[in-house]
């Protein structure tokens, strides 16, 4: 770069100015290219994942302190009687029949 003449330096400076002006114009047209402009979206965790993470943390603390970690008990799943299941199936079939009669393929 030391071996450049004055005219070459002027030409390089002009090219650099053109590049900067074009970059600014492109940024104005497209918006900022630095990253997302809006608020960051948060990742959602399921309740089961949160419970697993909490249990793992309790186990780590228990291991560190030398005590035994208490296990969280999960609620048993509720069972539906056969009569209720049959009634639900009949109502779903009726809904679908009504939807098909109306020409729909989704509810």
Protein backbone atom coordinates (compact mmCIF):
# COMPACT_ATOMS: atom_id res chain seq x y z
CA UNK A 1 0.00 0.00 0.00
CA UNK A 2 3.00 2.29 0.48
CA UNK A 3 3.95 1.95 -3.20
CA UNK A 4 0.64 3.48 -4.42
CA UNK A 5 0.59 6.76 -6.26
CA UNK A 6 -1.64 9.70 -5.29
CA UNK A 7 -4.08 8.99 -8.12
CA UNK A 8 -4.37 5.34 -7.07
CA UNK A 9 -5.06 6.39 -3.47
CA UNK A 10 -7.76 8.85 -4.62
CA UNK A 11 -9.35 6.13 -6.76
CA UNK A 12 -9.30 3.67 -3.82
CA UNK A 13 -10.88 6.29 -1.54
CA UNK A 14 -13.63 6.95 -4.15
CA UNK A 15 -14.37 3.22 -4.44
CA UNK A 16 -14.52 2.91 -0.65
CA UNK A 17 -16.96 5.84 -0.46
CA UNK A 18 -19.16 4.22 -3.12
CA UNK A 19 -19.16 0.93 -1.20
CA UNK A 20 -20.17 2.70 2.03
CA UNK A 21 -22.95 4.66 0.34
CA UNK A 22 -24.30 1.51 -1.34
CA UNK A 23 -24.16 -0.37 1.97
CA UNK A 24 -26.07 2.44 3.69
CA UNK A 25 -28.68 2.47 0.92
CA UNK A 26 -29.09 -1.30 1.12
CA UNK A 27 -29.50 -1.10 4.90
CA UNK A 28 -32.17 1.58 4.48
CA UNK A 29 -34.05 -0.57 1.96
CA UNK A 30 -33.84 -3.88 3.76
CA UNK A 31 -33.64 -2.66 7.32
CA UNK A 32 -30.94 -3.55 9.79
CA UNK A 33 -28.97 -6.68 8.94
CA UNK A 34 -27.42 -6.95 12.41
CA UNK A 35 -30.04 -9.38 13.71
CA UNK A 36 -33.69 -9.74 14.58
CA UNK A 37 -35.42 -6.45 15.26
CA UNK A 38 -38.46 -7.62 17.23
CA UNK A 39 -38.56 -9.05 20.72
CA UNK A 40 -36.85 -12.38 21.24
CA UNK A 41 -39.15 -15.36 21.31
CA UNK A 42 -38.92 -17.48 24.42
CA UNK A 43 -38.74 -21.22 24.20
CA UNK A 44 -41.50 -23.00 26.03
CA UNK A 45 -40.97 -26.04 28.20
CA UNK A 46 -43.60 -28.59 29.02
CA UNK A 47 -44.61 -29.20 32.61
CA UNK A 48 -43.05 -32.66 32.43
CA UNK A 49 -39.71 -31.20 31.33
CA UNK A 50 -39.79 -28.63 34.12
CA UNK A 51 -40.53 -31.39 36.64
CA UNK A 52 -37.62 -33.49 35.35
CA UNK A 53 -35.27 -30.51 35.57
CA UNK A 54 -36.44 -29.73 39.11
CA UNK A 55 -35.98 -33.35 40.20
CA UNK A 56 -32.50 -33.45 38.69
CA UNK A 57 -31.57 -30.22 40.51
CA UNK A 58 -32.90 -31.58 43.81
CA UNK A 59 -30.83 -34.74 43.27
CA UNK A 60 -27.70 -32.66 42.59
CA UNK A 61 -28.24 -30.62 45.77
CA UNK A 62 -28.92 -33.78 47.78
CA UNK A 63 -25.74 -35.38 46.45
CA UNK A 64 -23.76 -32.28 47.37
CA UNK A 65 -25.23 -31.97 50.85
CA UNK A 66 -25.19 -35.72 51.55
CA UNK A 67 -28.93 -36.13 52.10
CA UNK A 68 -31.43 -38.18 50.18
CA UNK A 69 -33.54 -36.36 47.57
CA UNK A 70 -37.29 -36.56 47.92
CA UNK A 71 -39.00 -37.91 44.84
CA UNK A 72 -41.97 -36.05 43.46
CA UNK A 73 -44.98 -38.29 43.04
CA UNK A 74 -46.90 -38.00 39.81
CA UNK A 75 -50.68 -37.87 39.89
CA UNK A 76 -52.26 -41.06 38.61
CA UNK A 77 -54.07 -40.74 35.29
CA UNK A 78 -57.81 -40.54 35.61
CA UNK A 79 -59.72 -43.35 33.98
CA UNK A 80 -62.88 -42.87 31.97
CA UNK A 81 -65.61 -45.45 32.30
CA UNK A 82 -66.74 -47.47 29.31
CA UNK A 83 -70.13 -45.72 29.29
CA UNK A 84 -68.55 -42.27 29.14
CA UNK A 85 -66.13 -43.42 26.42
CA UNK A 86 -69.08 -44.74 24.38
CA UNK A 87 -71.00 -41.47 24.81
CA UNK A 88 -67.95 -39.45 23.70
CA UNK A 89 -67.47 -41.66 20.63
CA UNK A 90 -71.12 -41.27 19.65
CA UNK A 91 -70.98 -37.49 19.96
CA UNK A 92 -67.77 -37.38 17.89
CA UNK A 93 -69.38 -39.52 15.18
CA UNK A 94 -72.39 -37.21 15.14
CA UNK A 95 -70.13 -34.14 14.82
CA UNK A 96 -68.24 -35.72 11.92
CA UNK A 97 -71.45 -36.75 10.17
CA UNK A 98 -72.72 -33.18 10.43
CA UNK A 99 -69.38 -31.83 9.12
CA UNK A 100 -69.34 -34.27 6.18
CA UNK A 101 -72.93 -33.35 5.31
CA UNK A 102 -71.80 -29.72 5.16
CA UNK A 103 -68.97 -30.71 2.79
CA UNK A 104 -66.15 -30.10 5.28
CA UNK A 105 -63.06 -32.27 5.60
CA UNK A 106 -61.92 -30.73 8.90
CA UNK A 107 -63.82 -29.65 11.98
